[in-house]
């Protein structure tokens, strides 16, 4: 028996990533308070929110496999949030220029009372960034809803000097290699359940 799949996220980036696995799913916004707890580390924040999002939606949809995800960035152990606006993006990228940032991409998969949660970190070394480069990048990518002001799936990849992770999709917010393993454990292996392409009419 296979179970319906839900992505507990309003992120278009995660939705686009999940579509790669070619398993039918639908999206439900988890509506979870994302305020960090006092002295909470970026890793713990990402793990807690990934679980909270998955559990919140799973409670409304019993008998469904629910994926929750969250990403938090860390600079020398200090949280790096979303900039919110252009001025915030400028401040962030000035601070991250030439620095090493760890992006924690946490993910939780829930089916009723079963839950599996993982963190897939990505270590990014930012290039030395000029004011001209920062301003031009912000004008093009408008990354104000992205931790660290860097959309790695877009021009933000040019901000990086190097990037290291066990999963190249983790930096975008949904680690597909790890997700494939977790889904297989719930009986929904993408290689066995992916939708076949519709044949073109002759």
Protein backbone atom coordinates (compact mmCIF):
# COMPACT_ATOMS: atom_id res chain seq x y z
CA UNK A 1 0.00 0.00 0.00
CA UNK A 2 1.23 3.49 -0.82
CA UNK A 3 0.17 6.66 0.95
CA UNK A 4 -0.64 10.10 -0.51
CA UNK A 5 2.20 12.60 -0.31
CA UNK A 6 2.02 16.16 1.04
CA UNK A 7 4.67 18.88 1.03
CA UNK A 8 4.16 20.99 4.16
CA UNK A 9 5.69 24.14 2.74
CA UNK A 10 4.70 27.31 0.92
CA UNK A 11 8.16 27.52 -0.74
CA UNK A 12 8.07 27.42 -4.52
CA UNK A 13 11.71 26.29 -4.47
CA UNK A 14 10.90 23.16 -2.44
CA UNK A 15 7.87 22.46 -4.59
CA UNK A 16 9.97 22.63 -7.75
CA UNK A 17 12.58 20.31 -6.23
CA UNK A 18 10.01 17.73 -5.12
CA UNK A 19 8.54 17.67 -8.63
CA UNK A 20 11.84 16.16 -9.82
CA UNK A 21 10.96 12.89 -8.08
CA UNK A 22 7.82 12.58 -10.24
CA UNK A 23 5.62 11.40 -7.37
CA UNK A 24 2.17 13.06 -7.23
CA UNK A 25 1.82 15.34 -4.22
CA UNK A 26 -0.07 18.37 -3.04
CA UNK A 27 1.03 21.36 -0.99
CA UNK A 28 -0.34 22.48 2.37
CA UNK A 29 0.95 25.55 4.20
CA UNK A 30 1.95 24.49 7.73
CA UNK A 31 1.35 27.91 9.35
CA UNK A 32 3.95 27.38 12.08
CA UNK A 33 5.51 30.15 14.20
CA UNK A 34 9.15 30.30 13.07
CA UNK A 35 10.43 32.49 15.91
CA UNK A 36 13.73 31.10 17.28
CA UNK A 37 13.87 30.05 20.92
CA UNK A 38 16.29 31.73 23.29
CA UNK A 39 19.87 30.51 22.72
CA UNK A 40 18.67 28.05 20.05
CA UNK A 41 21.36 27.07 17.57
CA UNK A 42 20.67 27.37 13.82
CA UNK A 43 20.82 23.57 13.47
CA UNK A 44 18.39 22.99 16.34
CA UNK A 45 16.08 25.69 14.97
CA UNK A 46 15.96 24.07 11.53
CA UNK A 47 15.35 20.61 12.99
CA UNK A 48 12.62 21.82 15.34
CA UNK A 49 10.78 23.75 12.64
CA UNK A 50 11.01 20.92 10.11
CA UNK A 51 9.38 18.61 12.64
CA UNK A 52 6.79 21.18 13.68
CA UNK A 53 5.73 21.83 10.08
CA UNK A 54 5.43 18.14 9.25
CA UNK A 55 3.54 17.32 12.45
CA UNK A 56 1.16 20.27 12.06
CA UNK A 57 0.04 19.13 8.62
CA UNK A 58 0.11 15.40 9.47
CA UNK A 59 -2.34 16.07 12.30
CA UNK A 60 -4.81 17.45 9.73
CA UNK A 61 -4.18 14.68 7.17
CA UNK A 62 -3.94 11.26 8.85
CA UNK A 63 -2.82 8.46 6.57
CA UNK A 64 -0.66 10.80 4.47
CA UNK A 65 3.12 11.00 4.20
CA UNK A 66 4.03 14.60 5.04
CA UNK A 67 7.34 16.32 4.31
CA UNK A 68 8.34 19.29 6.45
CA UNK A 69 11.52 21.26 5.83
CA UNK A 70 13.36 24.28 7.15
CA UNK A 71 16.71 25.93 6.55
CA UNK A 72 18.82 28.02 8.88
CA UNK A 73 22.24 29.54 8.25
CA UNK A 74 25.12 29.98 10.65
CA UNK A 75 28.16 32.28 10.57
CA UNK A 76 30.66 31.25 13.26
CA UNK A 77 27.76 29.75 15.21
CA UNK A 78 25.65 32.92 14.97
CA UNK A 79 22.27 32.61 13.18
CA UNK A 80 21.95 34.30 9.78
CA UNK A 81 18.29 34.96 9.01
CA UNK A 82 16.36 36.28 6.05
CA UNK A 83 17.25 39.88 5.18
CA UNK A 84 13.68 41.08 4.63
CA UNK A 85 14.59 44.00 2.40
CA UNK A 86 17.37 45.56 0.30
CA UNK A 87 19.10 47.25 3.24
CA UNK A 88 19.10 43.95 5.12
CA UNK A 89 20.51 42.16 2.09
CA UNK A 90 23.31 44.71 1.79
CA UNK A 91 24.23 44.31 5.46
CA UNK A 92 24.19 40.53 5.23
CA UNK A 93 26.29 40.22 2.10
CA UNK A 94 28.86 42.69 3.43
CA UNK A 95 29.13 40.56 6.57
CA UNK A 96 29.28 37.28 4.61
CA UNK A 97 31.85 38.49 2.07
CA UNK A 98 34.89 36.19 2.29
CA UNK A 99 33.33 34.20 5.13
CA UNK A 100 32.35 30.56 5.63
CA UNK A 101 28.64 29.96 6.23
CA UNK A 102 26.94 26.68 7.09
CA UNK A 103 23.39 26.22 5.79
CA UNK A 104 21.45 23.61 7.79
CA UNK A 105 18.75 22.05 5.62
CA UNK A 106 16.54 20.04 7.96
CA UNK A 107 13.79 17.75 6.80
CA UNK A 108 11.15 15.69 8.58
CA UNK A 109 8.94 12.97 7.10
CA UNK A 110 5.84 11.96 9.07
CA UNK A 111 3.21 9.27 8.63
CA UNK A 112 0.77 9.32 11.54
CA UNK A 113 2.96 8.44 14.56
CA UNK A 114 6.07 7.58 12.56
CA UNK A 115 8.65 10.32 12.08
CA UNK A 116 12.16 10.57 10.62
CA UNK A 117 14.16 13.80 10.82
CA UNK A 118 17.56 14.68 9.36
CA UNK A 119 19.85 17.67 8.86
CA UNK A 120 21.95 17.95 5.70
CA UNK A 121 24.49 20.78 6.11
CA UNK A 122 26.11 22.68 3.26
CA UNK A 123 29.32 24.62 3.90
CA UNK A 124 29.66 27.68 1.65
CA UNK A 125 32.64 29.98 1.30
CA UNK A 126 31.54 33.35 -0.04
CA UNK A 127 33.70 35.27 -2.48
CA UNK A 128 35.04 38.68 -1.56
CA UNK A 129 32.16 40.88 -2.73
CA UNK A 130 32.41 44.48 -3.88
CA UNK A 131 29.62 46.99 -3.26
CA UNK A 132 28.90 46.99 -6.99
CA UNK A 133 28.57 43.20 -7.03
CA UNK A 134 26.31 43.21 -3.96
CA UNK A 135 23.98 45.88 -5.33
CA UNK A 136 23.75 44.28 -8.76
CA UNK A 137 23.09 40.85 -7.30
CA UNK A 138 20.33 42.14 -5.02
CA UNK A 139 18.68 43.97 -7.91
CA UNK A 140 18.61 40.80 -10.03
CA UNK A 141 17.79 37.99 -7.56
CA UNK A 142 15.83 40.00 -4.93
CA UNK A 143 16.72 37.34 -2.29
CA UNK A 144 14.93 38.97 0.64
CA UNK A 145 13.04 35.81 1.62
CA UNK A 146 16.18 33.64 1.63
CA UNK A 147 18.52 32.94 4.55
CA UNK A 148 21.87 34.61 3.94
CA UNK A 149 20.55 36.65 0.97
CA UNK A 150 21.77 33.96 -1.43
CA UNK A 151 19.58 32.10 -3.92
CA UNK A 152 21.92 29.29 -4.90
CA UNK A 153 19.43 28.01 -7.49
CA UNK A 154 19.79 31.30 -9.34
CA UNK A 155 22.51 33.97 -9.70
CA UNK A 156 23.35 33.47 -6.01
CA UNK A 157 25.63 30.61 -7.03
CA UNK A 158 28.02 33.30 -8.33
CA UNK A 159 28.41 34.61 -4.76
CA UNK A 160 30.20 31.41 -3.82
CA UNK A 161 33.89 30.56 -3.93
CA UNK A 162 33.17 26.97 -2.93
CA UNK A 163 30.33 24.78 -1.69
CA UNK A 164 30.54 21.41 0.06
CA UNK A 165 27.66 19.06 0.85
CA UNK A 166 26.66 15.41 0.55
CA UNK A 167 23.61 16.56 -1.43
CA UNK A 168 23.72 19.32 -4.08
CA UNK A 169 20.00 20.04 -3.62
CA UNK A 170 20.30 20.66 0.13
CA UNK A 171 21.34 24.29 -0.32
CA UNK A 172 18.08 25.01 -2.15
CA UNK A 173 16.10 23.72 0.82
CA UNK A 174 15.02 20.13 0.14
CA UNK A 175 17.79 17.47 0.11
CA UNK A 176 16.48 15.04 -2.50
CA UNK A 177 19.06 12.30 -1.96
CA UNK A 178 18.17 12.02 1.72
CA UNK A 179 14.48 12.49 0.97
CA UNK A 180 14.57 9.55 -1.46
CA UNK A 181 16.00 7.37 1.31
CA UNK A 182 13.39 8.49 3.82
CA UNK A 183 10.49 8.04 1.41
CA UNK A 184 11.71 4.55 0.53
CA UNK A 185 11.58 3.74 4.24
CA UNK A 186 7.91 4.72 4.20
CA UNK A 187 7.23 2.49 1.19
CA UNK A 188 7.33 5.27 -1.38
CA UNK A 189 10.60 4.79 -3.26
CA UNK A 190 10.64 7.29 -6.18
CA UNK A 191 12.30 4.74 -8.47
CA UNK A 192 9.35 2.42 -7.93
CA UNK A 193 6.52 4.95 -7.77
CA UNK A 194 7.53 7.80 -10.08
CA UNK A 195 4.91 8.67 -12.69
CA UNK A 196 5.72 7.52 -16.19
CA UNK A 197 5.75 10.19 -18.93
CA UNK A 198 2.64 10.46 -21.05
CA UNK A 199 3.41 9.19 -24.57
CA UNK A 200 3.24 11.85 -27.29
CA UNK A 201 0.42 11.32 -29.79
CA UNK A 202 1.63 9.87 -33.07
